[in-house]
């Protein structure tokens, strides 16, 4: 998993590339927390995610809950087919991930 983290004022833009599976979620979680703590708004681009499993979907849903709890804005954009398929496998509409 590689990511590009760009910050402008109080907004962070993160673009993920590569797998988002059980093997990457710990690193990804830490990166998301750091970005959320430093920004009021975050845009998370998932177009480059090449593989996703239930752990990846759980991380995305948890990030959304944390943003709401911390009164921050999180927008998830451009879900790749891998993310959409992983969500559908567990009965979640990908639109609910994107918010």
N, C-alpha and C. Protein backbone atom coordinates (compact mmCIF):
# COMPACT_ATOMS: atom_id res chain seq x y z
N UNK A 1 0.86 -1.17 0.00
CA UNK A 1 0.00 0.00 0.00
C UNK A 1 0.90 1.23 0.00
N UNK A 2 0.71 2.06 -0.96
CA UNK A 2 1.38 3.36 -0.97
C UNK A 2 0.30 4.43 -0.96
N UNK A 3 0.68 5.58 -0.45
CA UNK A 3 -0.30 6.65 -0.41
C UNK A 3 0.40 7.99 -0.59
N UNK A 4 -0.36 8.91 -1.16
CA UNK A 4 0.11 10.27 -1.32
C UNK A 4 -0.69 11.11 -0.33
N UNK A 5 -0.01 11.83 0.51
CA UNK A 5 -0.66 12.65 1.52
C UNK A 5 -0.32 14.10 1.23
N UNK A 6 -1.33 14.86 0.87
CA UNK A 6 -1.13 16.27 0.55
C UNK A 6 -2.06 17.08 1.46
N UNK A 7 -1.50 18.10 2.11
CA UNK A 7 -2.33 18.92 2.99
C UNK A 7 -2.33 20.36 2.50
N UNK A 8 -3.53 20.93 2.54
CA UNK A 8 -3.70 22.35 2.23
C UNK A 8 -4.56 22.93 3.33
N UNK A 9 -3.98 23.83 4.09
CA UNK A 9 -4.65 24.44 5.23
C UNK A 9 -5.18 23.35 6.15
N UNK A 10 -6.49 23.26 6.33
CA UNK A 10 -7.05 22.26 7.24
C UNK A 10 -7.64 21.08 6.50
N UNK A 11 -7.21 20.85 5.25
CA UNK A 11 -7.74 19.75 4.46
C UNK A 11 -6.61 18.82 4.02
N UNK A 12 -6.82 17.52 4.21
CA UNK A 12 -5.86 16.52 3.77
C UNK A 12 -6.45 15.75 2.59
N UNK A 13 -5.62 15.47 1.60
CA UNK A 13 -6.02 14.67 0.46
C UNK A 13 -5.12 13.44 0.44
N UNK A 14 -5.73 12.26 0.54
CA UNK A 14 -4.97 11.01 0.54
C UNK A 14 -5.39 10.17 -0.65
N UNK A 15 -4.41 9.69 -1.38
CA UNK A 15 -4.68 8.82 -2.52
C UNK A 15 -3.99 7.50 -2.25
N UNK A 16 -4.78 6.43 -2.15
CA UNK A 16 -4.24 5.12 -1.85
C UNK A 16 -4.00 4.33 -3.13
N UNK A 17 -2.89 3.60 -3.15
CA UNK A 17 -2.57 2.74 -4.28
C UNK A 17 -2.05 1.42 -3.76
N UNK A 18 -2.54 0.33 -4.36
CA UNK A 18 -2.12 -1.00 -3.96
C UNK A 18 -3.20 -1.69 -3.13
N UNK A 19 -2.83 -2.78 -2.45
CA UNK A 19 -3.83 -3.54 -1.69
C UNK A 19 -4.25 -2.86 -0.40
N UNK A 20 -5.49 -3.10 -0.02
CA UNK A 20 -6.04 -2.66 1.27
C UNK A 20 -6.66 -3.90 1.91
N UNK A 21 -5.79 -4.71 2.49
CA UNK A 21 -6.20 -5.98 3.06
C UNK A 21 -5.77 -6.07 4.51
N UNK A 22 -6.04 -7.17 5.12
CA UNK A 22 -5.69 -7.39 6.52
C UNK A 22 -4.20 -7.12 6.77
N UNK A 23 -3.37 -7.31 5.76
CA UNK A 23 -1.93 -7.11 5.92
C UNK A 23 -1.53 -5.63 5.95
N UNK A 24 -2.37 -4.75 5.42
CA UNK A 24 -2.05 -3.33 5.36
C UNK A 24 -2.86 -2.45 6.32
N UNK A 25 -3.91 -2.98 6.93
CA UNK A 25 -4.83 -2.10 7.67
C UNK A 25 -4.19 -1.42 8.88
N UNK A 26 -3.25 -2.06 9.54
CA UNK A 26 -2.63 -1.42 10.71
C UNK A 26 -1.86 -0.16 10.28
N UNK A 27 -1.07 -0.29 9.24
CA UNK A 27 -0.33 0.87 8.72
C UNK A 27 -1.29 1.94 8.23
N UNK A 28 -2.32 1.51 7.52
CA UNK A 28 -3.30 2.44 6.98
C UNK A 28 -4.06 3.14 8.10
N UNK A 29 -4.43 2.40 9.13
CA UNK A 29 -5.15 2.98 10.27
C UNK A 29 -4.31 4.09 10.91
N UNK A 30 -3.04 3.82 11.13
CA UNK A 30 -2.16 4.82 11.75
C UNK A 30 -2.05 6.06 10.88
N UNK A 31 -1.96 5.87 9.57
CA UNK A 31 -1.86 7.00 8.66
C UNK A 31 -3.15 7.81 8.64
N UNK A 32 -4.29 7.13 8.65
CA UNK A 32 -5.57 7.83 8.67
C UNK A 32 -5.75 8.64 9.95
N UNK A 33 -5.40 8.05 11.08
CA UNK A 33 -5.52 8.76 12.36
C UNK A 33 -4.64 10.01 12.36
N UNK A 34 -3.41 9.87 11.89
CA UNK A 34 -2.50 11.03 11.84
C UNK A 34 -3.07 12.13 10.94
N UNK A 35 -3.62 11.75 9.81
CA UNK A 35 -4.19 12.75 8.89
C UNK A 35 -5.42 13.40 9.48
N UNK A 36 -6.27 12.60 10.13
CA UNK A 36 -7.48 13.16 10.75
C UNK A 36 -7.13 14.10 11.90
N UNK A 37 -6.12 13.74 12.67
CA UNK A 37 -5.74 14.59 13.80
C UNK A 37 -5.20 15.93 13.35
N UNK A 38 -4.60 15.98 12.16
CA UNK A 38 -4.03 17.22 11.68
C UNK A 38 -4.91 18.03 10.76
N UNK A 39 -6.12 17.56 10.50
CA UNK A 39 -6.99 18.23 9.53
C UNK A 39 -8.44 18.21 9.99
N UNK A 40 -9.19 19.19 9.55
CA UNK A 40 -10.63 19.22 9.83
C UNK A 40 -11.40 18.48 8.73
N UNK A 41 -10.81 18.41 7.54
CA UNK A 41 -11.44 17.75 6.41
C UNK A 41 -10.43 16.80 5.77
N UNK A 42 -10.94 15.66 5.30
CA UNK A 42 -10.07 14.72 4.63
C UNK A 42 -10.80 14.12 3.43
N UNK A 43 -10.09 14.05 2.32
CA UNK A 43 -10.61 13.39 1.12
C UNK A 43 -9.73 12.17 0.89
N UNK A 44 -10.36 11.03 0.77
CA UNK A 44 -9.67 9.75 0.61
C UNK A 44 -10.03 9.16 -0.74
N UNK A 45 -9.06 9.12 -1.65
CA UNK A 45 -9.27 8.62 -3.01
C UNK A 45 -8.86 7.15 -3.06
N UNK A 46 -9.81 6.28 -3.41
CA UNK A 46 -9.57 4.83 -3.41
C UNK A 46 -9.45 4.25 -4.82
N UNK A 47 -9.31 5.07 -5.81
CA UNK A 47 -9.27 4.60 -7.19
C UNK A 47 -8.10 3.64 -7.44
N UNK A 48 -7.00 3.84 -6.75
CA UNK A 48 -5.81 3.01 -6.98
C UNK A 48 -5.73 1.75 -6.13
N UNK A 49 -6.78 1.45 -5.36
CA UNK A 49 -6.77 0.24 -4.54
C UNK A 49 -6.95 -0.97 -5.45
N UNK A 50 -5.97 -1.87 -5.44
CA UNK A 50 -5.96 -3.01 -6.35
C UNK A 50 -6.56 -4.27 -5.75
N UNK A 51 -6.62 -4.34 -4.44
CA UNK A 51 -7.18 -5.51 -3.75
C UNK A 51 -7.75 -5.04 -2.42
N UNK A 52 -8.89 -5.56 -2.05
CA UNK A 52 -9.53 -5.15 -0.81
C UNK A 52 -10.27 -6.35 -0.22
N UNK A 53 -10.22 -6.47 1.11
CA UNK A 53 -10.96 -7.54 1.78
C UNK A 53 -11.82 -6.94 2.88
N UNK A 54 -12.42 -7.78 3.70
CA UNK A 54 -13.32 -7.28 4.74
C UNK A 54 -12.60 -6.40 5.75
N UNK A 55 -11.33 -6.66 6.01
CA UNK A 55 -10.58 -5.81 6.93
C UNK A 55 -10.45 -4.39 6.37
N UNK A 56 -10.24 -4.29 5.07
CA UNK A 56 -10.17 -2.97 4.43
C UNK A 56 -11.48 -2.23 4.51
N UNK A 57 -12.58 -2.94 4.27
CA UNK A 57 -13.91 -2.32 4.36
C UNK A 57 -14.19 -1.89 5.79
N UNK A 58 -13.86 -2.73 6.74
CA UNK A 58 -14.06 -2.39 8.16
C UNK A 58 -13.27 -1.14 8.53
N UNK A 59 -12.06 -1.02 8.03
CA UNK A 59 -11.25 0.16 8.31
C UNK A 59 -11.91 1.42 7.75
N UNK A 60 -12.43 1.34 6.54
CA UNK A 60 -13.08 2.50 5.93
C UNK A 60 -14.32 2.92 6.71
N UNK A 61 -15.11 1.95 7.13
CA UNK A 61 -16.31 2.26 7.92
C UNK A 61 -15.93 2.83 9.29
N UNK A 62 -14.88 2.30 9.88
CA UNK A 62 -14.42 2.83 11.18
C UNK A 62 -13.89 4.25 11.04
N UNK A 63 -13.22 4.53 9.94
CA UNK A 63 -12.71 5.89 9.70
C UNK A 63 -13.87 6.87 9.59
N UNK A 64 -14.93 6.44 8.90
CA UNK A 64 -16.11 7.30 8.77
C UNK A 64 -16.72 7.57 10.15
N UNK A 65 -16.85 6.53 10.99
CA UNK A 65 -17.42 6.72 12.33
C UNK A 65 -16.55 7.64 13.18
N UNK A 66 -15.22 7.48 13.07
CA UNK A 66 -14.31 8.34 13.84
C UNK A 66 -14.46 9.80 13.41
N UNK A 67 -14.58 10.02 12.12
CA UNK A 67 -14.74 11.39 11.62
C UNK A 67 -16.01 12.02 12.18
N UNK A 68 -17.09 11.28 12.18
CA UNK A 68 -18.35 11.80 12.72
C UNK A 68 -18.19 12.08 14.22
N UNK A 69 -17.61 11.14 14.93
CA UNK A 69 -17.43 11.29 16.38
C UNK A 69 -16.56 12.51 16.72
N UNK A 70 -15.53 12.75 15.89
CA UNK A 70 -14.61 13.87 16.12
C UNK A 70 -15.07 15.16 15.45
N UNK A 71 -16.27 15.14 14.87
CA UNK A 71 -16.84 16.29 14.18
C UNK A 71 -15.93 16.79 13.06
N UNK A 72 -15.47 15.84 12.26
CA UNK A 72 -14.64 16.15 11.11
C UNK A 72 -15.33 15.65 9.85
N UNK A 73 -14.88 16.13 8.73
CA UNK A 73 -15.47 15.77 7.45
C UNK A 73 -14.56 14.78 6.74
N UNK A 74 -15.11 13.64 6.37
CA UNK A 74 -14.38 12.63 5.59
C UNK A 74 -15.18 12.33 4.34
N UNK A 75 -14.55 12.52 3.20
CA UNK A 75 -15.18 12.16 1.93
C UNK A 75 -14.33 11.09 1.26
N UNK A 76 -14.95 9.97 0.96
CA UNK A 76 -14.28 8.88 0.26
C UNK A 76 -14.73 8.94 -1.19
N UNK A 77 -13.76 9.00 -2.09
CA UNK A 77 -14.08 9.16 -3.51
C UNK A 77 -13.48 8.03 -4.34
N UNK A 78 -14.04 7.86 -5.51
CA UNK A 78 -13.49 6.97 -6.54
C UNK A 78 -13.14 5.57 -6.03
N UNK A 79 -14.11 4.87 -5.47
CA UNK A 79 -13.88 3.49 -5.04
C UNK A 79 -13.52 2.64 -6.25
N UNK A 80 -12.43 1.92 -6.16
CA UNK A 80 -12.05 1.00 -7.24
C UNK A 80 -13.00 -0.18 -7.27
N UNK A 81 -12.94 -0.95 -8.34
CA UNK A 81 -13.78 -2.15 -8.44
C UNK A 81 -13.47 -3.12 -7.30
N UNK A 82 -12.21 -3.19 -6.87
CA UNK A 82 -11.83 -4.09 -5.77
C UNK A 82 -12.55 -3.71 -4.48
N UNK A 83 -12.65 -2.42 -4.20
CA UNK A 83 -13.34 -1.96 -3.00
C UNK A 83 -14.84 -2.24 -3.13
N UNK A 84 -15.41 -1.95 -4.27
CA UNK A 84 -16.84 -2.20 -4.48
C UNK A 84 -17.18 -3.68 -4.33
N UNK A 85 -16.36 -4.54 -4.91
CA UNK A 85 -16.61 -5.98 -4.84
C UNK A 85 -16.47 -6.51 -3.42
N UNK A 86 -15.48 -6.02 -2.67
CA UNK A 86 -15.31 -6.45 -1.28
C UNK A 86 -16.51 -6.04 -0.44
N UNK A 87 -17.00 -4.84 -0.67
CA UNK A 87 -18.18 -4.37 0.07
C UNK A 87 -19.40 -5.22 -0.27
N UNK A 88 -19.59 -5.49 -1.54
CA UNK A 88 -20.74 -6.27 -1.97
C UNK A 88 -20.69 -7.70 -1.43
N UNK A 89 -19.50 -8.27 -1.31
CA UNK A 89 -19.36 -9.63 -0.77
C UNK A 89 -19.88 -9.75 0.65
N UNK A 90 -19.83 -8.65 1.40
CA UNK A 90 -20.32 -8.71 2.78
C UNK A 90 -21.66 -7.99 2.95
N UNK A 91 -22.29 -7.70 1.82
CA UNK A 91 -23.65 -7.15 1.87
C UNK A 91 -23.73 -5.66 2.10
N UNK A 92 -22.68 -4.93 1.77
CA UNK A 92 -22.67 -3.48 1.94
C UNK A 92 -22.62 -2.83 0.56
N UNK A 93 -23.48 -1.87 0.34
CA UNK A 93 -23.48 -1.11 -0.89
C UNK A 93 -22.28 -0.16 -0.87
N UNK A 94 -21.51 -0.13 -1.94
CA UNK A 94 -20.33 0.73 -1.95
C UNK A 94 -20.68 2.20 -1.78
N UNK A 95 -21.89 2.59 -2.14
CA UNK A 95 -22.32 3.98 -1.95
C UNK A 95 -22.34 4.34 -0.47
N UNK A 96 -22.60 3.37 0.41
CA UNK A 96 -22.60 3.66 1.85
C UNK A 96 -21.19 3.91 2.37
N UNK A 97 -20.20 3.36 1.71
CA UNK A 97 -18.81 3.62 2.09
C UNK A 97 -18.43 5.04 1.70
N UNK A 98 -18.84 5.42 0.50
CA UNK A 98 -18.49 6.74 0.01
C UNK A 98 -19.26 7.83 0.74
N UNK A 99 -20.37 7.49 1.34
CA UNK A 99 -21.14 8.45 2.12
C UNK A 99 -22.02 9.24 1.28
